[in-house]
Amino acid sequence: MTTRESRPDEVRADAAGPVRTGPNWGRWIALFAWLGFLGLFAAVGRVAVDPRVANPNVEGRPRPVEFLTGFDHWQLVPQIGAAIMVVVLTVVFIRGWRRNPGSPVLLMVLCTTLIVWQDPIMNWAPFAVYNPMLLHWPESWPLIMMSPTVEPFIVFGYVTFYFGPYFPAIWILRKLQAKWGPQAFASRHPLISLGALVLVIGFIFDAILEITLVRTGLYIYSQAIPFGTLFPGNTFQFPLLWESLSVTFVMVPAAILVYRDDTGKSVAEKLAAKAKLFPTKPVLGTFLVMFAIINVSYFAYGAWFWAIKASGAATSVACPWPFPEAKVYDPQGYYEREGAEGPYSVGKWATWQSGVPNGRPDVEPPPPGEGACATDD
């Protein structure tokens, strides 16, 4: 028995219904909404630090620690890259959609871009503290206030981070299936195989990328569990086991949802059809399935780090604090306990959500000059 593999374009054309003759207002609305959103950021974006976050005792932006190669403006590189990426991806998306409307890959590109609405929460949970020099949203805005310091522009490039590992993984999977045939594990269990490949590739990709970004001063993990963390107690500590594993909570489902079987249907399309979600608008149904699953997956990432935060196990603090123009983010008092000089900030959700029901505890600092974060003066 043989199975004819349908072309995805043919399958989607059959399900799309009659050919549209008028203007596609949905596309125009989506384009103007995206451009309007970017325009809003261009209008309100800033590099100044809001008084809610700023350290009033510091002028300028001194750096008590040297970043990679001693260059103090590494943050310009990812910001310029992110701006170029947004333009390129917007053009590629529009051209791709015109050629293949409803493509599951393009829908996933959209989903892994739109999850940035959660990013302030996902900075709060793992103690991800961004460099205040980055171009960022106003710190006093609702939701944005969740970030320990600032919420930067560069997160618009999330699609390459969370969805990028899919492309080498699917290439490897297809090679394995072609080489070993239909009886191979990769052919009989393609979703498990794809998920495993994304897990490995995503872990390595994240580790290389984030260690570089932390070392160049784009952000730090101000607190981390000592076990499984590279360079614990150092400014550039990186929770390798905890972060590089948990980001695959999003990478793996993103890859699986766009996998097409021999009918040309993606997993997300089949789930939408099974749920009878907007049966007359299959593309919308597919998008909603993707968006819901990816958002839940991202929440799982945040829940993973929230559990670590609330447990009080993230006892290793990044010393010295590299951004003195901002208050030291210290909701649990560990920085003060290690002799770091204030003032301190607790940010939002700083009571039971952070494992301190009564708020930041009273801490007995060490004698002057003592403690892992103590300064020489």
Protein backbone atom coordinates (compact mmCIF):
# COMPACT_ATOMS: atom_id res chain seq x y z
CA MET A 1 0.00 0.00 0.00
CA THR A 2 1.38 3.40 -0.95
CA THR A 3 0.38 6.86 0.14
CA ARG A 4 0.45 9.73 -2.33
CA GLU A 5 2.00 12.81 -0.76
CA SER A 6 -0.15 15.79 -1.60
CA ARG A 7 1.45 19.11 -2.29
CA PRO A 8 0.75 21.55 0.57
CA ASP A 9 -0.30 24.25 -1.89
CA GLU A 10 -2.86 21.93 -3.47
CA VAL A 11 -4.29 20.81 -0.15
CA ARG A 12 -4.57 24.36 1.10
CA ALA A 13 -6.11 25.57 -2.15
CA ASP A 14 -8.81 22.91 -1.93
CA ALA A 15 -9.69 23.99 1.60
CA ALA A 16 -9.52 27.69 0.92
CA GLY A 17 -12.87 27.89 -0.86
CA PRO A 18 -13.70 30.36 -3.64
CA VAL A 19 -11.03 32.69 -4.95
CA ARG A 20 -11.18 36.17 -3.41
CA THR A 21 -12.00 38.93 -5.88
CA GLY A 22 -12.02 42.02 -3.65
CA PRO A 23 -9.31 43.56 -1.46
CA ASN A 24 -8.12 41.50 1.48
CA TRP A 25 -8.90 43.92 4.28
CA GLY A 26 -7.54 41.54 6.90
CA ARG A 27 -4.08 41.74 5.41
CA TRP A 28 -4.17 45.52 5.22
CA ILE A 29 -5.43 45.85 8.77
CA ALA A 30 -2.71 43.49 10.02
CA LEU A 31 0.00 45.38 8.13
CA PHE A 32 -1.11 48.79 9.42
CA ALA A 33 -1.48 47.42 12.96
CA TRP A 34 2.10 46.11 12.84
CA LEU A 35 3.46 49.34 11.39
CA GLY A 36 1.45 51.33 13.94
CA PHE A 37 2.88 49.25 16.77
CA LEU A 38 6.42 49.82 15.55
CA GLY A 39 5.62 53.51 15.10
CA LEU A 40 4.38 53.70 18.68
CA PHE A 41 7.66 52.29 19.93
CA ALA A 42 9.60 54.73 17.77
CA ALA A 43 7.63 57.55 19.38
CA VAL A 44 7.93 56.49 23.03
CA GLY A 45 11.17 54.48 23.05
CA ARG A 46 13.90 55.89 25.29
CA VAL A 47 17.32 55.25 26.75
CA ALA A 48 16.82 57.42 29.83
CA VAL A 49 16.06 55.59 33.07
CA ASP A 50 12.75 56.26 34.80
CA PRO A 51 12.94 57.54 38.41
CA ARG A 52 11.17 54.35 39.51
CA VAL A 53 14.25 52.38 38.42
CA ALA A 54 17.05 54.97 38.42
CA ASN A 55 19.66 55.20 41.16
CA PRO A 56 19.56 58.86 42.26
CA ASN A 57 23.08 58.62 43.71
CA VAL A 58 24.78 57.92 40.37
CA GLU A 59 25.43 60.26 37.45
CA GLY A 60 26.15 58.90 34.01
CA ARG A 61 26.57 55.19 33.34
CA PRO A 62 29.72 53.96 35.10
CA ARG A 63 30.54 50.28 34.68
CA PRO A 64 32.29 48.50 37.57
CA VAL A 65 32.98 45.47 35.40
CA GLU A 66 34.57 45.10 31.97
CA PHE A 67 32.49 43.56 29.22
CA LEU A 68 33.88 41.30 26.49
CA THR A 69 37.11 42.70 24.96
CA GLY A 70 36.62 45.87 26.99
CA PHE A 71 34.14 47.31 24.47
CA ASP A 72 31.42 49.27 26.31
CA HIS A 73 28.87 49.56 23.51
CA TRP A 74 28.09 45.97 22.64
CA GLN A 75 24.40 46.72 23.16
CA LEU A 76 24.37 48.57 19.84
CA VAL A 77 25.09 45.37 17.90
CA PRO A 78 21.93 43.39 18.82
CA GLN A 79 19.79 46.52 18.63
CA ILE A 80 20.88 47.31 15.09
CA GLY A 81 20.55 43.63 14.24
CA ALA A 82 17.05 43.51 15.69
CA ALA A 83 15.98 46.57 13.68
CA ILE A 84 17.30 45.03 10.46
CA MET A 85 15.69 41.72 11.36
CA VAL A 86 12.28 43.31 11.87
CA VAL A 87 12.42 44.96 8.44
CA VAL A 88 13.67 41.82 6.68
CA LEU A 89 11.19 39.51 8.39
CA THR A 90 8.31 41.87 7.63
CA VAL A 91 9.20 41.90 3.93
CA VAL A 92 9.79 38.13 3.84
CA PHE A 93 6.52 37.49 5.64
CA ILE A 94 4.51 39.66 3.23
CA ARG A 95 6.11 38.10 0.16
CA GLY A 96 5.74 34.59 1.57
CA TRP A 97 2.11 35.12 2.49
CA ARG A 98 1.26 36.40 -0.99
CA ARG A 99 2.80 33.26 -2.50
CA ASN A 100 1.49 30.78 0.07
CA PRO A 101 -1.30 32.28 2.19
CA GLY A 102 -2.00 30.35 5.36
CA SER A 103 1.42 28.68 5.47
CA PRO A 104 1.87 27.04 8.90
CA VAL A 105 5.50 28.18 8.96
CA LEU A 106 4.47 31.80 8.45
CA LEU A 107 1.73 31.48 11.04
CA MET A 108 4.31 30.21 13.52
CA VAL A 109 6.58 33.13 12.65
CA LEU A 110 3.68 35.37 13.64
CA CYS A 111 2.95 33.45 16.85
CA THR A 112 6.54 33.42 18.07
CA THR A 113 6.67 37.17 17.44
CA LEU A 114 3.42 37.96 19.24
CA ILE A 115 4.40 36.14 22.43
CA VAL A 116 6.58 39.14 23.27
CA TRP A 117 3.58 40.47 25.16
CA GLN A 118 4.63 38.05 27.92
CA ASP A 119 8.27 39.11 27.96
CA PRO A 120 8.11 41.49 30.96
CA ILE A 121 6.73 38.63 33.06
CA MET A 122 9.36 36.27 31.68
CA ASN A 123 12.07 38.73 32.67
CA TRP A 124 10.64 38.98 36.16
CA ALA A 125 10.52 35.24 36.78
CA PRO A 126 14.17 34.30 36.03
CA PHE A 127 15.74 37.55 37.38
CA ALA A 128 16.63 38.67 33.83
CA VAL A 129 17.90 42.23 34.23
CA TYR A 130 18.43 44.19 31.01
CA ASN A 131 21.03 46.89 30.47
CA PRO A 132 19.27 50.25 31.00
CA MET A 133 21.23 51.68 28.05
CA LEU A 134 19.05 49.67 25.68
CA LEU A 135 16.31 51.45 23.76
CA HIS A 136 13.24 50.49 25.76
CA TRP A 137 9.57 51.07 26.52
CA PRO A 138 8.62 53.54 29.30
CA GLU A 139 9.26 51.73 32.60
CA SER A 140 6.13 53.16 34.22
CA TRP A 141 3.70 51.54 31.76
CA PRO A 142 1.49 48.67 32.99
CA LEU A 143 2.89 45.22 32.25
CA ILE A 144 6.23 46.81 31.22
CA MET A 145 6.70 47.48 34.94
CA MET A 146 7.15 43.75 35.52
CA SER A 147 10.68 43.83 34.07
CA PRO A 148 13.32 44.25 36.79
CA THR A 149 14.87 47.21 34.96
CA VAL A 150 13.74 47.90 31.37
CA GLU A 151 11.85 46.15 28.57
CA PRO A 152 13.91 46.58 25.37
CA PHE A 153 13.15 46.69 21.66
CA ILE A 154 15.31 43.68 20.80
CA VAL A 155 12.67 41.18 21.94
CA PHE A 156 10.93 41.74 18.59
CA GLY A 157 13.50 39.29 17.25
CA TYR A 158 12.13 36.41 19.32
CA VAL A 159 11.01 34.53 16.22
CA THR A 160 14.58 33.64 15.25
CA PHE A 161 15.26 32.50 18.80
CA TYR A 162 12.22 30.34 19.51
CA PHE A 163 11.48 29.12 15.98
CA GLY A 164 14.98 29.12 14.49
CA PRO A 165 15.99 25.62 15.73
CA TYR A 166 13.12 24.10 13.76
CA PHE A 167 14.86 24.62 10.43
CA PRO A 168 18.09 22.68 11.05
CA ALA A 169 16.08 20.06 12.96
CA ILE A 170 13.61 19.41 10.14
CA TRP A 171 16.47 19.27 7.64
CA ILE A 172 18.24 16.62 9.73
CA LEU A 173 14.99 14.70 10.23
CA ARG A 174 14.26 14.58 6.49
CA LYS A 175 17.81 13.39 5.83
CA LEU A 176 17.44 10.60 8.40
CA GLN A 177 14.07 9.55 7.00
CA ALA A 178 15.43 9.45 3.44
CA LYS A 179 18.56 7.54 4.43
CA TRP A 180 17.03 4.89 6.70
CA GLY A 181 13.65 4.44 5.07
CA PRO A 182 10.07 4.08 6.36
CA GLN A 183 10.95 1.50 9.01
CA ALA A 184 13.44 3.75 10.80
CA PHE A 185 12.51 5.31 14.13
CA ALA A 186 12.68 8.78 12.58
CA SER A 187 10.02 7.76 10.04
CA ARG A 188 7.76 5.84 12.42
CA HIS A 189 7.95 8.46 15.17
CA PRO A 190 8.62 11.75 13.38
CA LEU A 191 7.19 14.03 16.08
CA ILE A 192 9.27 12.45 18.84
CA SER A 193 12.34 12.57 16.62
CA LEU A 194 11.75 16.20 15.65
CA GLY A 195 11.17 17.17 19.28
CA ALA A 196 14.39 15.45 20.37
CA LEU A 197 16.40 17.17 17.64
CA VAL A 198 14.98 20.59 18.56
CA LEU A 199 15.70 19.90 22.23
CA VAL A 200 19.39 19.26 21.54
CA ILE A 201 19.83 21.97 18.90
CA GLY A 202 17.84 24.50 20.92
CA PHE A 203 19.81 23.83 24.10
CA ILE A 204 23.14 24.33 22.35
CA PHE A 205 21.90 27.34 20.37
CA ASP A 206 20.54 29.04 23.47
CA ALA A 207 23.68 28.38 25.52
CA ILE A 208 25.99 29.87 22.89
CA LEU A 209 23.74 32.86 22.23
CA GLU A 210 22.92 33.75 25.82
CA ILE A 211 26.40 33.28 27.23
CA THR A 212 27.60 35.71 24.56
CA LEU A 213 24.85 38.24 25.26
CA VAL A 214 25.40 38.09 29.01
CA ARG A 215 29.17 38.43 28.58
CA THR A 216 28.72 41.50 26.38
CA GLY A 217 26.52 43.18 28.98
CA LEU A 218 23.17 43.04 27.22
CA TYR A 219 21.57 41.62 30.35
CA ILE A 220 22.40 39.53 33.41
CA TYR A 221 20.71 36.87 35.49
CA SER A 222 20.91 38.66 38.81
CA GLN A 223 20.07 35.54 40.83
CA ALA A 224 20.46 31.86 39.97
CA ILE A 225 20.62 28.43 41.55
CA PRO A 226 24.34 27.72 42.06
CA PHE A 227 23.99 24.15 40.78
CA GLY A 228 23.81 24.00 37.01
CA THR A 229 24.95 27.63 36.67
CA LEU A 230 28.09 28.69 34.84
CA PHE A 231 30.30 31.18 36.71
CA PRO A 232 28.04 31.41 39.80
CA GLY A 233 28.55 34.55 41.86
CA ASN A 234 30.11 36.37 38.89
CA THR A 235 28.45 39.26 37.06
CA PHE A 236 28.23 37.02 34.01
CA GLN A 237 26.72 33.98 35.69
CA PHE A 238 24.44 31.98 33.43
CA PRO A 239 21.91 29.35 34.62
CA LEU A 240 22.83 26.91 31.86
CA LEU A 241 20.83 23.91 33.03
CA TRP A 242 17.77 25.92 33.99
CA GLU A 243 17.59 28.45 31.15
CA SER A 244 18.86 26.50 28.15
CA LEU A 245 16.57 23.60 28.99
CA SER A 246 13.45 25.63 29.70
CA VAL A 247 13.58 27.67 26.48
CA THR A 248 12.98 24.40 24.64
CA PHE A 249 9.52 24.35 26.30
CA VAL A 250 8.61 26.79 23.50
CA MET A 251 10.98 25.62 20.76
CA VAL A 252 9.76 22.01 20.74
CA PRO A 253 5.99 22.64 20.40
CA ALA A 254 6.67 25.39 17.85
CA ALA A 255 8.48 22.86 15.66
CA ILE A 256 5.98 20.04 16.16
CA LEU A 257 2.98 22.22 15.34
CA VAL A 258 4.27 23.03 11.85
CA TYR A 259 5.36 19.47 10.99
CA ARG A 260 3.52 18.17 7.91
CA ASP A 261 2.70 14.51 7.45
CA ASP A 262 2.31 12.79 4.07
CA THR A 263 -1.09 14.43 3.54
CA GLY A 264 0.53 17.85 3.51
CA LYS A 265 -1.34 18.88 6.66
CA SER A 266 0.51 20.31 9.63
CA VAL A 267 -0.14 19.14 13.18
CA ALA A 268 -1.71 22.51 13.99
CA GLU A 269 -4.07 22.29 11.00
CA LYS A 270 -5.18 18.81 12.04
CA LEU A 271 -5.75 19.93 15.64
CA ALA A 272 -7.82 22.89 14.47
CA ALA A 273 -9.91 20.62 12.22
CA LYS A 274 -10.41 18.09 15.02
CA ALA A 275 -11.52 20.84 17.39
CA LYS A 276 -13.85 22.21 14.67
CA LEU A 277 -12.41 25.63 15.36
CA PHE A 278 -13.68 28.05 12.71
CA PRO A 279 -14.20 25.28 10.13
CA THR A 280 -15.04 27.81 7.43
CA LYS A 281 -11.84 29.75 8.19
CA PRO A 282 -9.18 27.05 8.56
CA VAL A 283 -6.26 29.49 8.55
CA LEU A 284 -7.74 31.42 11.46
CA GLY A 285 -8.43 28.19 13.33
CA THR A 286 -4.85 27.02 12.76
CA PHE A 287 -3.45 30.33 13.97
CA LEU A 288 -5.55 30.26 17.14
CA VAL A 289 -4.42 26.71 17.93
CA MET A 290 -0.80 27.73 17.48
CA PHE A 291 -1.17 30.93 19.45
CA ALA A 292 -2.86 29.19 22.38
CA ILE A 293 -0.32 26.35 22.59
CA ILE A 294 2.73 28.61 22.20
CA ASN A 295 1.45 30.99 24.87
CA VAL A 296 0.79 28.11 27.27
CA SER A 297 4.27 26.78 26.51
CA TYR A 298 5.78 30.18 27.28
CA PHE A 299 3.79 30.29 30.51
CA ALA A 300 5.34 26.91 31.36
CA TYR A 301 8.76 28.51 30.95
CA GLY A 302 7.75 31.27 33.33
CA ALA A 303 6.20 28.83 35.82
CA TRP A 304 9.47 26.85 35.85
CA PHE A 305 11.41 29.95 36.89
CA TRP A 306 8.67 31.22 39.18
CA ALA A 307 8.94 27.98 41.17
CA ILE A 308 12.71 28.52 41.46
CA LYS A 309 12.18 32.14 42.49
CA ALA A 310 9.49 31.43 45.07
CA SER A 311 11.52 28.57 46.56
CA GLY A 312 14.37 30.92 47.44
CA ALA A 313 16.85 28.52 45.80
CA ALA A 314 18.33 31.19 43.50
CA THR A 315 20.90 32.26 46.08
CA SER A 316 23.82 33.07 43.77
CA VAL A 317 23.87 36.79 42.97
CA ALA A 318 25.68 38.39 40.03
CA CYS A 319 28.48 40.48 41.54
CA PRO A 320 29.37 43.18 41.00
CA TRP A 321 26.05 44.72 39.94
CA PRO A 322 26.98 46.00 36.46
CA PHE A 323 24.33 48.71 36.00
CA PRO A 324 24.82 51.23 38.85
CA GLU A 325 22.63 53.85 37.15
CA ALA A 326 19.75 51.56 38.17
CA LYS A 327 18.81 50.45 41.65
CA VAL A 328 19.99 46.95 42.57
CA TYR A 329 17.15 44.53 41.88
CA ASP A 330 17.01 42.69 45.20
CA PRO A 331 13.48 41.52 46.10
CA GLN A 332 14.75 38.77 48.42
CA GLY A 333 17.62 40.64 50.10
CA TYR A 334 20.43 38.41 48.81
CA TYR A 335 22.41 41.30 47.31
CA GLU A 336 22.37 43.27 50.54
CA ARG A 337 23.33 40.11 52.43
CA GLU A 338 26.41 39.85 50.20
CA GLY A 339 27.44 43.44 50.87
CA ALA A 340 26.19 45.12 47.68
CA GLU A 341 25.64 48.84 48.02
CA GLY A 342 22.07 50.09 47.59
CA PRO A 343 19.65 51.60 46.93
CA TYR A 344 17.63 48.47 46.26
CA SER A 345 14.59 47.81 44.14
CA VAL A 346 12.03 45.09 44.69
CA GLY A 347 10.06 45.67 41.48
CA LYS A 348 6.60 44.24 41.04
CA TRP A 349 5.10 41.04 42.47
CA ALA A 350 7.54 41.32 45.35
CA THR A 351 5.63 39.61 48.15
CA TRP A 352 4.28 36.04 48.10
CA GLN A 353 4.88 35.85 44.33
CA SER A 354 8.61 36.14 45.02
CA GLY A 355 8.56 33.80 47.98
CA VAL A 356 8.58 36.62 50.57
CA PRO A 357 4.99 36.94 51.84
CA ASN A 358 5.78 40.00 53.97
CA GLY A 359 7.82 41.74 51.32
CA ARG A 360 11.58 42.16 51.16
CA PRO A 361 12.98 40.81 54.44
CA ASP A 362 15.12 42.78 56.84
CA VAL A 363 18.69 41.81 56.12
CA GLU A 364 21.74 42.15 58.31
CA PRO A 365 24.49 43.28 55.89
CA PRO A 366 28.05 42.10 56.47
CA PRO A 367 30.68 44.45 57.93
CA PRO A 368 31.99 47.09 55.47
CA GLY A 369 34.28 45.58 52.88
CA GLU A 370 33.08 42.04 53.49
CA GLY A 371 30.71 39.96 51.44
CA ALA A 372 30.91 38.68 47.87
CA CYS A 373 29.47 41.94 46.46
CA ALA A 374 31.31 44.39 48.67
CA THR A 375 33.23 47.19 46.96
CA ASP A 376 36.76 48.21 47.82
CA ASP A 377 35.81 51.74 48.88
